[in-house]
């Protein structure tokens, strides 16, 4: 069976059971900006702010706005807008902007700024609020402003957040005392069915002056691994209004994740490289691997070239350097680098006549040409199925 036919067969079997990896952020290139005024100047200012908003989301870095090339581009925001319209937000006129994905990406590459792909870790937020007399868990539909402000702050940074829905399963699995006391076992157990990639535990203390203090811990791993990992959570404390504290907290969490996952594509691209991935035992493994590779920011395309037993060789066309590729893939828990690769037998190609010469006689012979796929040791990986 040819590789193409094999892929179609695998796809037919696996299309309905592909595992979900991270969360796809669909609105990274869209933003909404309230108009301060009704004149052309206000409209232009909103468009520039919209481009700034999108560049922060795509790069994962607020410092991108200090880049000289980026500053120049923002003053010419119209070059990057693909669609716009007007709407009303809380009684105020606003402009809805969509930006051209290709143009934005090229701008960031030319500016040697970072790019964070749209597949991003989904963070589960457990939040408990105390007014000094009682403590309450804040669920997804809570009317507490801290929930809406936290969601808005995360949306402005392109960070996927999930708040527990607060159904019977949630309510019986964990209580406010568990959250306030940092009891990891019940928290991890209650989080299991949300398939999150990280967990943010927030304790809010209402202040007499109307402000709030937040004490938070961010666990950058799946909840099921929190109790067994030796990695310490990232923690912080903020004090201020609901909007100030939630924004500062989300910025710190997002900055940590962007530093880990965003990559810089400026400079020479790495061209084509071959990688070998072992421990591919199922159709689900194969297509999860292919999807992961094609979703990398540094990879323009990933094509399977050989399948032998439980090992696959992919040819990658890189749009970043090979070093940037290794940096990006090293942060994916689904795959790890190894050097115990499988030796792939070279496939004979069409026989090509080759003339052999000797002092005694000249005899034409047919020697099979061989298609060789070279995989360097640093490009051999093991799939963590």
Protein backbone atom coordinates (compact mmCIF):
# COMPACT_ATOMS: atom_id res chain seq x y z
CA UNK A 1 0.00 0.00 0.00
CA UNK A 2 1.36 3.45 -0.90
CA UNK A 3 1.92 6.07 1.77
CA UNK A 4 -0.91 8.18 0.39
CA UNK A 5 -3.37 5.27 0.48
CA UNK A 6 -2.22 4.37 3.98
CA UNK A 7 -2.85 7.91 5.18
CA UNK A 8 -6.39 7.88 3.79
CA UNK A 9 -7.05 4.54 5.48
CA UNK A 10 -5.73 5.83 8.79
CA UNK A 11 -7.74 9.02 8.47
CA UNK A 12 -10.96 7.11 7.84
CA UNK A 13 -10.43 5.17 11.07
CA UNK A 14 -9.23 8.04 13.23
CA UNK A 15 -11.12 11.15 12.15
CA UNK A 16 -13.75 10.83 14.88
CA UNK A 17 -11.40 9.98 17.72
CA UNK A 18 -8.56 12.46 17.41
CA UNK A 19 -7.43 13.64 20.84
CA UNK A 20 -7.95 17.29 21.69
CA UNK A 21 -4.70 19.15 22.26
CA UNK A 22 -4.69 22.57 23.93
CA UNK A 23 -7.24 25.11 22.73
CA UNK A 24 -7.49 26.92 19.43
CA UNK A 25 -7.90 30.68 19.86
CA UNK A 26 -10.08 31.76 16.95
CA UNK A 27 -10.20 35.54 17.44
CA UNK A 28 -6.51 36.44 17.65
CA UNK A 29 -6.77 38.64 14.55
CA UNK A 30 -10.00 40.38 15.61
CA UNK A 31 -10.56 43.13 18.15
CA UNK A 32 -13.17 45.66 19.19
CA UNK A 33 -12.25 49.21 20.20
CA UNK A 34 -14.55 51.82 21.71
CA UNK A 35 -14.54 55.10 19.78
CA UNK A 36 -13.70 58.20 21.79
CA UNK A 37 -15.41 60.77 19.60
CA UNK A 38 -17.12 60.74 16.22
CA UNK A 39 -14.53 62.39 13.99
CA UNK A 40 -11.95 60.90 11.64
CA UNK A 41 -9.17 61.36 14.18
CA UNK A 42 -11.02 59.23 16.74
CA UNK A 43 -11.61 56.57 14.08
CA UNK A 44 -7.90 56.51 13.15
CA UNK A 45 -6.86 56.31 16.80
CA UNK A 46 -9.18 53.33 17.31
CA UNK A 47 -7.74 51.54 14.27
CA UNK A 48 -4.21 52.06 15.57
CA UNK A 49 -5.22 50.79 18.99
CA UNK A 50 -6.84 47.79 17.35
CA UNK A 51 -3.62 46.88 15.53
CA UNK A 52 -1.67 47.28 18.77
CA UNK A 53 -4.14 44.96 20.52
CA UNK A 54 -3.76 42.27 17.87
CA UNK A 55 0.03 42.50 17.77
CA UNK A 56 0.18 41.95 21.54
CA UNK A 57 -2.08 38.90 21.24
CA UNK A 58 -0.16 37.34 18.34
CA UNK A 59 3.32 38.01 19.72
CA UNK A 60 2.39 37.17 23.31
CA UNK A 61 4.50 40.13 24.38
CA UNK A 62 3.41 43.63 25.42
CA UNK A 63 6.95 44.90 24.79
CA UNK A 64 6.38 44.37 21.05
CA UNK A 65 4.84 47.86 21.00
CA UNK A 66 8.26 49.33 21.84
CA UNK A 67 9.72 47.93 18.61
CA UNK A 68 10.55 50.78 16.20
CA UNK A 69 9.29 48.90 13.14
CA UNK A 70 6.07 48.03 14.95
CA UNK A 71 5.51 51.66 15.96
CA UNK A 72 5.82 52.71 12.33
CA UNK A 73 3.41 49.99 11.19
CA UNK A 74 0.79 51.04 13.74
CA UNK A 75 0.65 54.53 12.22
CA UNK A 76 -0.20 52.80 8.92
CA UNK A 77 -2.80 50.46 10.41
CA UNK A 78 -5.00 50.57 7.31
CA UNK A 79 -2.46 48.44 5.43
CA UNK A 80 -3.19 45.52 7.76
CA UNK A 81 -6.98 45.77 8.14
CA UNK A 82 -8.95 43.17 6.17
CA UNK A 83 -12.45 44.02 7.40
CA UNK A 84 -14.17 46.51 9.69
CA UNK A 85 -17.60 47.51 10.91
CA UNK A 86 -19.30 49.53 13.64
CA UNK A 87 -21.33 48.41 16.64
CA UNK A 88 -22.62 49.53 20.01
CA UNK A 89 -21.02 48.46 23.32
CA UNK A 90 -22.80 49.52 26.51
CA UNK A 91 -24.31 52.46 24.69
CA UNK A 92 -20.99 53.55 23.15
CA UNK A 93 -20.03 53.38 19.49
CA UNK A 94 -17.24 50.91 18.73
CA UNK A 95 -15.31 49.69 15.71
CA UNK A 96 -14.92 45.97 15.01
CA UNK A 97 -11.65 45.19 13.25
CA UNK A 98 -10.25 42.12 11.53
CA UNK A 99 -6.60 42.06 10.44
CA UNK A 100 -4.89 40.16 7.64
CA UNK A 101 -3.17 37.12 9.10
CA UNK A 102 -0.42 36.96 6.48
CA UNK A 103 0.41 40.67 6.72
CA UNK A 104 0.55 40.58 10.51
CA UNK A 105 2.78 37.54 10.50
CA UNK A 106 5.15 39.07 7.95
CA UNK A 107 5.32 42.26 10.02
CA UNK A 108 6.33 40.34 13.12
CA UNK A 109 8.90 38.31 11.20
CA UNK A 110 10.47 41.41 9.65
CA UNK A 111 10.49 43.07 13.06
CA UNK A 112 12.17 39.99 14.56
CA UNK A 113 9.35 39.83 17.09
CA UNK A 114 7.95 36.67 18.61
CA UNK A 115 4.91 34.79 17.29
CA UNK A 116 2.68 32.59 19.44
CA UNK A 117 0.57 30.11 17.49
CA UNK A 118 -3.21 29.89 17.92
CA UNK A 119 -2.96 26.50 19.66
CA UNK A 120 -2.45 27.66 23.25
CA UNK A 121 -2.66 26.07 26.69
CA UNK A 122 -6.18 26.07 28.10
CA UNK A 123 -6.06 27.28 31.71
CA UNK A 124 -8.65 26.15 34.26
CA UNK A 125 -9.40 28.83 36.88
CA UNK A 126 -10.53 27.95 40.37
CA UNK A 127 -11.43 31.18 42.15
CA UNK A 128 -12.70 31.63 45.70
CA UNK A 129 -13.83 34.98 47.09
CA UNK A 130 -13.81 35.97 50.77
CA UNK A 131 -15.54 38.99 52.29
CA UNK A 132 -14.18 38.26 55.78
CA UNK A 133 -17.27 36.35 56.84
CA UNK A 134 -17.78 33.69 54.20
CA UNK A 135 -15.98 32.22 51.23
CA UNK A 136 -17.64 31.43 47.93
CA UNK A 137 -16.40 29.66 44.81
CA UNK A 138 -16.85 31.83 41.72
CA UNK A 139 -18.28 29.70 38.90
CA UNK A 140 -18.36 30.44 35.18
CA UNK A 141 -21.72 32.25 35.25
CA UNK A 142 -21.00 34.19 38.45
CA UNK A 143 -22.05 37.85 38.44
CA UNK A 144 -18.97 38.76 40.50
CA UNK A 145 -17.01 41.35 38.53
CA UNK A 146 -13.76 39.54 39.18
CA UNK A 147 -14.86 36.73 36.85
CA UNK A 148 -15.78 39.04 33.96
CA UNK A 149 -12.69 41.20 34.44
CA UNK A 150 -10.43 38.13 34.47
CA UNK A 151 -12.06 36.83 31.28
CA UNK A 152 -11.66 40.22 29.60
CA UNK A 153 -7.99 40.44 30.61
CA UNK A 154 -7.35 36.95 29.24
CA UNK A 155 -9.15 37.74 25.98
CA UNK A 156 -6.97 40.81 25.46
CA UNK A 157 -3.88 38.58 25.68
CA UNK A 158 -5.27 35.68 23.64
CA UNK A 159 -5.17 33.30 26.61
CA UNK A 160 -7.84 30.55 26.73
CA UNK A 161 -9.50 30.35 30.15
CA UNK A 162 -12.08 27.93 31.50
CA UNK A 163 -14.04 28.53 34.70
CA UNK A 164 -15.77 25.49 36.27
CA UNK A 165 -19.48 25.49 35.50
CA UNK A 166 -20.50 24.77 39.08
CA UNK A 167 -22.78 21.81 38.38
CA UNK A 168 -23.44 18.99 40.83
CA UNK A 169 -20.19 17.25 39.85
CA UNK A 170 -18.13 20.36 40.61
CA UNK A 171 -20.00 21.27 43.78
CA UNK A 172 -19.57 17.84 45.34
CA UNK A 173 -15.95 17.37 44.24
CA UNK A 174 -14.41 20.43 45.89
CA UNK A 175 -15.40 23.12 48.37
CA UNK A 176 -14.21 26.63 49.20
CA UNK A 177 -12.10 25.37 52.11
CA UNK A 178 -10.19 23.04 49.80
CA UNK A 179 -9.36 25.95 47.50
CA UNK A 180 -8.49 28.37 50.29
CA UNK A 181 -6.27 25.78 51.96
CA UNK A 182 -4.48 24.76 48.73
CA UNK A 183 -5.47 21.11 49.13
CA UNK A 184 -4.18 19.82 45.83
CA UNK A 185 -5.67 16.31 45.78
CA UNK A 186 -9.37 17.33 45.74
CA UNK A 187 -8.60 20.27 43.44
CA UNK A 188 -6.80 18.02 40.95
CA UNK A 189 -9.57 15.43 41.13
CA UNK A 190 -12.30 18.04 40.56
CA UNK A 191 -10.34 19.42 37.58
CA UNK A 192 -9.83 16.12 35.76
CA UNK A 193 -12.87 16.25 33.47
CA UNK A 194 -12.01 19.71 32.12
CA UNK A 195 -8.97 18.49 30.12
CA UNK A 196 -7.01 21.63 31.03
CA UNK A 197 -3.34 22.24 30.26
CA UNK A 198 -2.74 24.34 33.37
CA UNK A 199 -4.47 25.40 36.56
CA UNK A 200 -4.82 28.86 38.11
CA UNK A 201 -5.87 28.91 41.77
CA UNK A 202 -7.03 32.35 42.91
CA UNK A 203 -7.96 33.51 46.42
CA UNK A 204 -9.64 36.91 46.52
CA UNK A 205 -9.94 38.93 49.73
CA UNK A 206 -12.35 41.88 49.67
CA UNK A 207 -10.93 45.04 51.29
CA UNK A 208 -12.85 47.64 53.37
CA UNK A 209 -12.04 50.38 50.82
CA UNK A 210 -13.72 48.45 47.99
CA UNK A 211 -10.50 47.11 46.51
CA UNK A 212 -9.50 43.46 46.40
CA UNK A 213 -6.30 41.55 47.07
CA UNK A 214 -5.51 38.47 45.01
CA UNK A 215 -3.23 35.67 46.07
CA UNK A 216 -2.73 33.24 43.21
CA UNK A 217 -0.78 30.14 42.22
CA UNK A 218 -0.36 29.02 38.62
CA UNK A 219 0.42 25.36 37.93
CA UNK A 220 1.73 25.11 34.33
CA UNK A 221 0.84 21.44 33.87
CA UNK A 222 -2.22 19.26 33.51
CA UNK A 223 -4.16 19.03 36.81
CA UNK A 224 -3.63 15.25 36.95
CA UNK A 225 0.14 15.83 37.16
CA UNK A 226 0.13 18.54 39.82
CA UNK A 227 0.27 16.21 42.83
CA UNK A 228 3.24 14.23 41.47
CA UNK A 229 5.35 16.92 39.82
CA UNK A 230 8.31 18.53 41.53
CA UNK A 231 7.77 21.79 39.66
CA UNK A 232 6.75 24.59 41.98
CA UNK A 233 3.79 26.79 40.97
CA UNK A 234 4.29 30.37 39.86
CA UNK A 235 2.69 32.60 42.48
CA UNK A 236 1.86 36.24 42.97
CA UNK A 237 -0.08 38.78 45.04
CA UNK A 238 -1.83 41.87 43.71
CA UNK A 239 -3.88 44.64 45.33
CA UNK A 240 -6.19 47.17 43.69
CA UNK A 241 -9.46 47.38 41.82
CA UNK A 242 -10.99 44.28 40.24
CA UNK A 243 -9.79 45.31 36.79
CA UNK A 244 -6.27 46.20 37.98
CA UNK A 245 -5.69 43.02 39.95
CA UNK A 246 -7.14 40.64 37.37
CA UNK A 247 -5.18 42.30 34.55
CA UNK A 248 -1.88 42.17 36.45
CA UNK A 249 -2.43 38.50 37.35
CA UNK A 250 -3.35 37.47 33.79
CA UNK A 251 -0.43 39.44 32.35
CA UNK A 252 2.03 37.60 34.60
CA UNK A 253 0.57 34.19 33.70
CA UNK A 254 0.47 35.00 29.99
CA UNK A 255 4.00 36.40 30.00
CA UNK A 256 5.25 33.15 31.51
CA UNK A 257 3.49 31.02 28.90
CA UNK A 258 4.45 33.24 25.96
CA UNK A 259 8.11 33.16 27.00
CA UNK A 260 7.85 29.37 26.92
CA UNK A 261 5.87 28.88 23.70
CA UNK A 262 6.31 31.94 21.45
CA UNK A 263 9.19 31.82 18.94
CA UNK A 264 11.09 34.36 16.88
CA UNK A 265 11.05 33.64 13.14
CA UNK A 266 13.29 36.50 11.99
CA UNK A 267 16.49 35.49 10.18
CA UNK A 268 17.22 32.67 7.75
CA UNK A 269 14.72 29.80 7.58
CA UNK A 270 15.99 26.29 8.18
CA UNK A 271 14.75 24.86 4.87
CA UNK A 272 13.81 21.17 4.83
CA UNK A 273 14.76 18.79 7.61
CA UNK A 274 13.75 15.20 8.33
CA UNK A 275 12.68 14.01 11.75
CA UNK A 276 11.96 10.49 12.94
CA UNK A 277 9.30 9.87 15.57
CA UNK A 278 9.05 6.53 17.32
CA UNK A 279 6.33 4.92 19.44
CA UNK A 280 3.49 5.63 16.98
CA UNK A 281 1.19 2.74 17.87
CA UNK A 282 -2.19 3.87 16.54
CA UNK A 283 -3.99 5.96 13.97
CA UNK A 284 -4.75 8.45 16.73
CA UNK A 285 -1.02 8.78 17.46
CA UNK A 286 -0.20 9.31 13.79
CA UNK A 287 -2.73 12.06 13.15
CA UNK A 288 -2.16 13.75 16.51
CA UNK A 289 1.54 13.90 15.62
CA UNK A 290 0.86 15.23 12.13
CA UNK A 291 -1.52 17.86 13.47
CA UNK A 292 0.96 18.90 16.15
CA UNK A 293 3.81 19.29 13.64
CA UNK A 294 1.71 21.28 11.17
CA UNK A 295 0.53 23.50 14.03
CA UNK A 296 4.03 24.59 15.03
CA UNK A 297 4.81 28.22 14.30
CA UNK A 298 8.24 27.30 12.95
CA UNK A 299 6.84 24.68 10.52
CA UNK A 300 5.39 25.66 7.15
CA UNK A 301 4.41 22.09 6.27
CA UNK A 302 4.96 18.56 7.57
CA UNK A 303 4.74 15.55 5.24
CA UNK A 304 5.04 11.88 6.20
CA UNK A 305 7.74 10.23 4.09
CA UNK A 306 8.15 6.73 5.60
CA UNK A 307 6.18 4.52 7.95
CA UNK A 308 7.93 1.47 9.33
CA UNK A 309 6.51 -0.43 12.25
CA UNK A 310 5.92 2.08 15.03
CA UNK A 311 8.19 4.76 13.54
CA UNK A 312 7.53 7.55 11.05
CA UNK A 313 9.83 9.92 9.19
CA UNK A 314 8.39 13.37 8.46
CA UNK A 315 9.94 15.94 6.18
CA UNK A 316 9.45 19.43 7.59
CA UNK A 317 9.62 22.63 5.63
CA UNK A 318 10.69 25.23 8.19
CA UNK A 319 9.74 28.90 8.12
CA UNK A 320 12.03 29.58 11.07
CA UNK A 321 15.52 28.45 11.98
CA UNK A 322 16.18 24.86 13.01
CA UNK A 323 17.19 26.19 16.42
CA UNK A 324 13.81 27.92 16.78
CA UNK A 325 12.10 24.66 15.76
CA UNK A 326 13.94 22.71 18.48
CA UNK A 327 13.07 25.40 21.01
CA UNK A 328 9.38 25.28 20.13
CA UNK A 329 8.98 21.52 19.98
CA UNK A 330 10.86 21.04 23.27
CA UNK A 331 7.92 22.62 25.10
CA UNK A 332 5.38 20.10 23.82
CA UNK A 333 4.65 17.36 26.36
CA UNK A 334 3.51 14.98 23.63
CA UNK A 335 7.00 14.45 22.29
CA UNK A 336 10.55 14.21 23.62
CA UNK A 337 13.95 14.08 22.03
CA UNK A 338 15.86 10.79 21.98
CA UNK A 339 18.65 9.22 19.96
CA UNK A 340 17.41 5.65 19.89
CA UNK A 341 15.92 5.84 16.42
CA UNK A 342 14.88 2.98 14.16
CA UNK A 343 17.09 2.26 11.15
CA UNK A 344 14.94 2.78 8.05
CA UNK A 345 15.78 0.55 5.11
CA UNK A 346 16.24 2.67 1.99
CA UNK A 347 13.60 2.05 -0.64
CA UNK A 348 14.97 1.04 -4.08
CA UNK A 349 14.03 3.46 -6.81
CA UNK A 350 13.81 2.79 -10.55
CA UNK A 351 16.91 0.97 -11.74
CA UNK A 352 19.35 3.24 -13.50
CA UNK A 353 22.01 1.92 -15.91
CA UNK A 354 25.50 2.54 -14.60
CA UNK A 355 28.64 1.80 -16.68
CA UNK A 356 31.46 0.00 -14.86
CA UNK A 357 34.95 0.18 -16.43
CA UNK A 358 37.90 -2.18 -15.91
CA UNK A 359 41.23 -2.77 -17.62
CA UNK A 360 40.06 -6.13 -18.85
CA UNK A 361 36.64 -5.33 -20.25
CA UNK A 362 33.79 -2.88 -20.14
CA UNK A 363 30.52 -4.44 -19.08
CA UNK A 364 27.30 -2.43 -18.66
CA UNK A 365 25.37 -3.31 -15.55
CA UNK A 366 22.16 -2.13 -13.95
CA UNK A 367 22.52 -0.93 -10.32
CA UNK A 368 19.41 0.12 -8.37
CA UNK A 369 19.46 3.73 -7.27
CA UNK A 370 18.50 4.24 -3.63
CA UNK A 371 16.38 6.93 -2.08
CA UNK A 372 18.03 7.81 1.21
CA UNK A 373 16.31 9.69 4.04
CA UNK A 374 18.90 11.11 6.40
CA UNK A 375 17.85 11.88 9.96
CA UNK A 376 20.42 13.46 12.25
CA UNK A 377 20.53 12.27 15.90
CA UNK A 378 19.11 15.54 17.26
CA UNK A 379 16.03 15.05 15.08
CA UNK A 380 14.96 11.69 16.51
CA UNK A 381 11.95 11.87 18.82
CA UNK A 382 9.76 9.62 20.95
CA UNK A 383 5.98 10.10 21.03
CA UNK A 384 4.54 10.08 24.55
CA UNK A 385 1.35 8.20 23.76
